[in-house]
Protein backbone atom coordinates (compact mmCIF):
# COMPACT_ATOMS: atom_id res chain seq x y z
CA MET A 1 -12.89 73.23 25.91
CA SER A 2 -9.44 73.68 24.39
CA GLU A 3 -7.78 70.87 22.48
CA ALA A 4 -5.36 68.72 24.49
CA VAL A 5 -2.91 68.69 21.57
CA THR A 6 -1.95 71.86 19.72
CA THR A 7 -0.66 71.70 16.15
CA GLN A 8 0.89 74.02 13.61
CA TRP A 9 3.04 73.99 10.48
CA ILE A 10 6.53 75.36 11.11
CA SER A 11 9.51 76.16 8.91
CA LEU A 12 12.42 73.80 9.49
CA ASP A 13 15.26 75.59 7.71
CA PRO A 14 15.76 79.38 7.58
CA ALA A 15 17.74 78.90 4.38
CA ALA A 16 14.85 76.99 2.76
CA PRO A 17 11.57 78.38 4.13
CA ALA A 18 9.54 76.07 1.89
CA PHE A 19 10.69 73.05 3.93
CA GLN A 20 8.09 72.80 6.66
CA GLY A 21 6.84 70.26 9.15
CA TYR A 22 3.66 69.49 11.05
CA LEU A 23 4.32 70.02 14.77
CA ALA A 24 2.10 68.47 17.44
CA LEU A 25 2.63 69.44 21.09
CA PRO A 26 1.54 67.21 23.99
CA PRO A 27 -0.92 68.31 26.69
CA ALA A 28 1.99 69.19 29.00
CA GLY A 29 3.41 71.47 26.29
CA LYS A 30 6.81 69.81 26.38
CA GLY A 31 8.40 66.39 26.30
CA PRO A 32 10.81 64.14 24.42
CA GLY A 33 11.07 64.77 20.70
CA LEU A 34 9.83 62.37 18.05
CA VAL A 35 10.44 62.87 14.33
CA LEU A 36 7.62 61.19 12.44
CA PHE A 37 8.62 60.22 8.90
CA GLN A 38 5.74 59.96 6.43
CA GLU A 39 4.70 57.27 4.00
CA ILE A 40 4.93 58.04 0.29
CA PHE A 41 1.52 59.71 0.52
CA GLY A 42 2.76 62.89 2.16
CA VAL A 43 1.90 64.40 5.52
CA ASN A 44 -1.71 63.52 4.86
CA SER A 45 -4.65 63.24 7.24
CA HIS A 46 -3.46 59.88 8.56
CA ILE A 47 0.09 61.02 9.30
CA GLN A 48 -1.25 64.17 10.97
CA ALA A 49 -3.52 62.00 13.11
CA VAL A 50 -0.59 59.75 14.03
CA ALA A 51 1.36 62.87 15.05
CA ARG A 52 -1.49 63.87 17.36
CA GLN A 53 -1.69 60.31 18.68
CA TYR A 54 1.95 60.35 19.75
CA ALA A 55 1.55 63.88 21.12
CA LEU A 56 -1.25 62.60 23.34
CA ASP A 57 1.25 59.99 24.52
CA GLY A 58 3.53 62.81 25.71
CA PHE A 59 5.89 63.43 22.79
CA VAL A 60 6.72 66.62 20.91
CA VAL A 61 6.11 65.31 17.39
CA LEU A 62 7.43 66.74 14.14
CA ALA A 63 6.33 65.30 10.79
CA PRO A 64 8.54 66.85 8.07
CA ASP A 65 7.06 67.44 4.63
CA LEU A 66 9.50 65.32 2.62
CA PHE A 67 8.06 66.13 -0.81
CA TRP A 68 8.47 69.88 -0.34
CA ARG A 69 10.78 70.23 -3.32
CA GLN A 70 8.06 68.92 -5.62
CA GLN A 71 4.83 70.15 -4.01
CA GLN A 72 4.44 71.62 -0.55
CA LYS A 73 2.12 69.84 1.87
CA VAL A 74 0.85 67.40 -0.71
CA GLN A 75 -1.69 64.93 0.64
CA LEU A 76 -2.33 61.81 -1.42
CA GLY A 77 -4.65 58.84 -1.26
CA TYR A 78 -3.75 55.16 -1.36
CA GLU A 79 -5.20 53.92 -4.63
CA GLY A 80 -5.27 54.62 -8.35
CA GLU A 81 -3.80 57.79 -9.83
CA GLN A 82 -2.89 59.23 -6.45
CA ARG A 83 -0.90 56.15 -5.56
CA GLU A 84 0.93 56.32 -8.86
CA ARG A 85 1.68 59.97 -8.23
CA ALA A 86 3.03 59.13 -4.79
CA ILE A 87 5.37 56.51 -6.24
CA ALA A 88 6.58 58.98 -8.86
CA MET A 89 7.29 61.62 -6.23
CA MET A 90 9.22 59.14 -4.11
CA LYS A 91 11.35 58.18 -7.11
CA GLN A 92 12.28 61.83 -7.61
CA MET A 93 13.87 61.99 -4.15
CA THR A 94 17.63 61.58 -4.23
CA PRO A 95 19.63 59.92 -1.43
CA ALA A 96 21.38 63.23 -0.82
CA ASP A 97 18.06 65.04 -0.45
CA MET A 98 16.78 62.38 1.93
CA GLU A 99 19.82 62.61 4.17
CA ALA A 100 19.74 66.41 4.15
CA ASP A 101 16.09 66.43 5.14
CA ILE A 102 16.66 63.90 7.91
CA LYS A 103 19.46 66.03 9.36
CA THR A 104 17.46 69.24 9.09
CA SER A 105 14.36 67.69 10.66
CA VAL A 106 16.16 66.21 13.66
CA ALA A 107 18.12 69.42 14.24
CA ALA A 108 14.96 71.53 14.02
CA LEU A 109 13.22 69.36 16.60
CA ARG A 110 16.18 69.34 18.98
CA ALA A 111 16.25 73.13 18.75
CA ARG A 112 12.60 73.47 19.80
CA PRO A 113 12.26 74.75 23.38
CA GLU A 114 9.46 72.24 24.00
CA ALA A 115 11.91 69.36 23.46
CA ALA A 116 15.04 70.95 24.93
CA GLY A 117 17.09 68.70 27.17
CA LYS A 118 15.09 65.59 26.30
CA GLY A 119 15.82 62.60 24.11
CA VAL A 120 14.82 62.59 20.46
CA GLY A 121 13.63 59.52 18.61
CA ALA A 122 12.38 58.70 15.14
CA VAL A 123 9.43 56.66 13.97
CA GLY A 124 8.46 56.09 10.36
CA TYR A 125 6.12 54.14 8.14
CA CYS A 126 6.87 52.66 4.70
CA LEU A 127 9.29 55.19 3.11
CA GLY A 128 9.47 56.78 6.53
CA GLY A 129 10.43 53.48 8.11
CA ARG A 130 13.52 53.43 5.94
CA LEU A 131 14.31 57.03 6.90
CA ALA A 132 13.91 56.23 10.60
CA TYR A 133 16.52 53.49 10.10
CA PHE A 134 18.75 55.94 8.23
CA SER A 135 18.42 58.48 11.06
CA ALA A 136 19.74 55.84 13.45
CA ALA A 137 22.56 54.87 11.08
CA MET A 138 23.50 58.55 10.80
CA GLY A 139 23.81 58.76 14.59
CA LEU A 140 21.19 61.50 14.86
CA VAL A 141 18.62 60.01 17.24
CA ASP A 142 18.49 58.23 20.57
CA ALA A 143 16.06 55.53 19.44
CA ALA A 144 14.36 54.59 16.17
CA VAL A 145 11.25 52.63 15.23
CA SER A 146 10.55 51.43 11.70
CA TYR A 147 7.20 50.16 10.46
CA TYR A 148 7.43 48.09 7.26
CA GLY A 149 10.33 50.16 6.02
CA GLY A 150 10.82 49.37 2.35
CA GLY A 151 14.37 48.84 1.14
CA ILE A 152 16.06 48.50 4.52
CA HIS A 153 17.22 45.00 3.63
CA ASP A 154 18.99 46.54 0.61
CA ASN A 155 20.85 49.01 2.84
CA LEU A 156 22.21 46.72 5.51
CA ASP A 157 25.75 47.96 4.90
CA ARG A 158 24.62 50.82 7.15
CA ALA A 159 23.57 48.53 10.00
CA LYS A 160 27.03 48.58 11.55
CA SER A 161 26.67 52.34 12.04
CA VAL A 162 23.54 51.98 14.18
CA VAL A 163 24.42 52.38 17.84
CA CYS A 164 21.07 53.47 19.31
CA PRO A 165 18.29 50.99 20.17
CA THR A 166 16.01 50.20 17.25
CA GLN A 167 12.71 48.45 16.75
CA PHE A 168 11.20 47.03 13.55
CA HIS A 169 7.60 46.06 12.76
CA TYR A 170 6.65 43.94 9.74
CA GLY A 171 3.56 42.27 8.38
CA GLU A 172 3.82 38.55 7.70
CA LYS A 173 1.94 38.93 4.41
CA ASP A 174 3.73 42.06 3.14
CA THR A 175 4.26 41.27 -0.54
CA GLY A 176 6.87 44.03 -0.86
CA ILE A 177 8.97 42.89 2.09
CA PRO A 178 9.18 39.07 2.15
CA LEU A 179 10.06 37.26 5.34
CA GLU A 180 13.52 36.47 3.94
CA ALA A 181 14.18 40.24 3.87
CA VAL A 182 12.96 40.56 7.46
CA GLU A 183 15.37 37.83 8.54
CA LYS A 184 18.22 39.68 6.84
CA VAL A 185 17.40 42.75 8.92
CA ARG A 186 17.14 40.67 12.09
CA SER A 187 20.50 39.04 11.42
CA ALA A 188 22.28 42.29 10.56
CA MET A 189 20.95 44.18 13.59
CA GLY A 190 21.48 41.45 16.16
CA ASP A 191 20.82 42.37 19.77
CA ARG A 192 20.65 46.08 18.95
CA ALA A 193 17.13 45.67 17.64
CA GLU A 194 13.74 44.25 18.42
CA VAL A 195 12.07 42.77 15.33
CA PHE A 196 8.37 41.90 15.36
CA VAL A 197 6.37 40.14 12.66
CA TYR A 198 2.56 40.32 12.81
CA PRO A 199 0.79 37.13 11.64
CA GLY A 200 -1.53 37.68 8.70
CA ALA A 201 -0.79 41.41 8.52
CA GLN A 202 -0.03 43.15 5.24
CA HIS A 203 1.96 46.22 4.28
CA GLY A 204 0.39 49.33 5.78
CA PHE A 205 -1.33 47.45 8.60
CA ASN A 206 -1.06 50.45 10.92
CA CYS A 207 -3.01 52.83 8.66
CA TRP A 208 -6.74 52.88 9.38
CA GLU A 209 -7.37 54.61 6.04
CA ARG A 210 -6.00 51.68 4.05
CA ALA A 211 -7.70 48.43 3.07
CA SER A 212 -4.77 46.56 4.65
CA TYR A 213 -5.45 48.04 8.11
CA ASP A 214 -5.31 45.40 10.83
CA ALA A 215 -6.50 46.80 14.17
CA PRO A 216 -5.10 44.05 16.47
CA SER A 217 -1.65 44.28 14.86
CA ALA A 218 -1.72 48.08 14.91
CA ALA A 219 -2.70 48.20 18.57
CA LEU A 220 -0.02 45.69 19.57
CA ALA A 221 2.65 47.48 17.55
CA HIS A 222 1.70 50.87 18.97
CA GLY A 223 1.91 49.53 22.52
CA ARG A 224 5.31 48.02 21.86
CA THR A 225 6.48 51.27 20.28
CA LEU A 226 5.35 53.34 23.26
CA GLY A 227 7.03 51.04 25.77
CA PHE A 228 10.23 51.06 23.75
CA LEU A 229 10.32 54.86 23.37
CA ALA A 230 9.24 55.57 26.94
CA GLN A 231 12.14 53.57 28.34
CA ARG A 232 14.66 55.39 26.16
CA LEU A 233 13.49 58.96 25.71
CA PHE A 234 11.71 60.09 28.89
């Protein structure tokens, strides 16, 4: 039996062949596009599984390898030395590089024949949650979903540039994103955004490979994300 979802690594920029992304195609072979922005741990096994999960939901999913300038296709764990390495790699990313990679990724997905003529959204986790927000602020996508996006509350000067629908998911017990920061996001986005806080959940609650994984919160958030994207991209 063939796999319902097909995957491959593809080059995203002819001028920079080293910049690649993990592409997951839905069972139908085509559908709305969804750029999946990674956590600081690279396009690792969890992010690849999330890409396949959204592909099974009907989306053409592209997870760009954001650390390609430092090490292609790096896959890191969540604790100890690997976590420290992930933080160091994130700190080496410049705002200009981030914005360039967002633009290239969205353009590459829109150019794919499997997503032609359909809407394109963005979803991201942790670092990727911030980039999903940036993609909306840059006017590149038709809808954006951010899971515990670190630093968004420090970049709310960009909120006025967001015109597409957005959705935010936060854990109540996220020590890196206090509830006061969540309320700043809610206030700045107003009726352009849905903001959900999951009682008792910590940072990374969606990742089943992390100690902070919270299955009820993850399931509820995924359902809300699918409903939100289905209404706006299909």
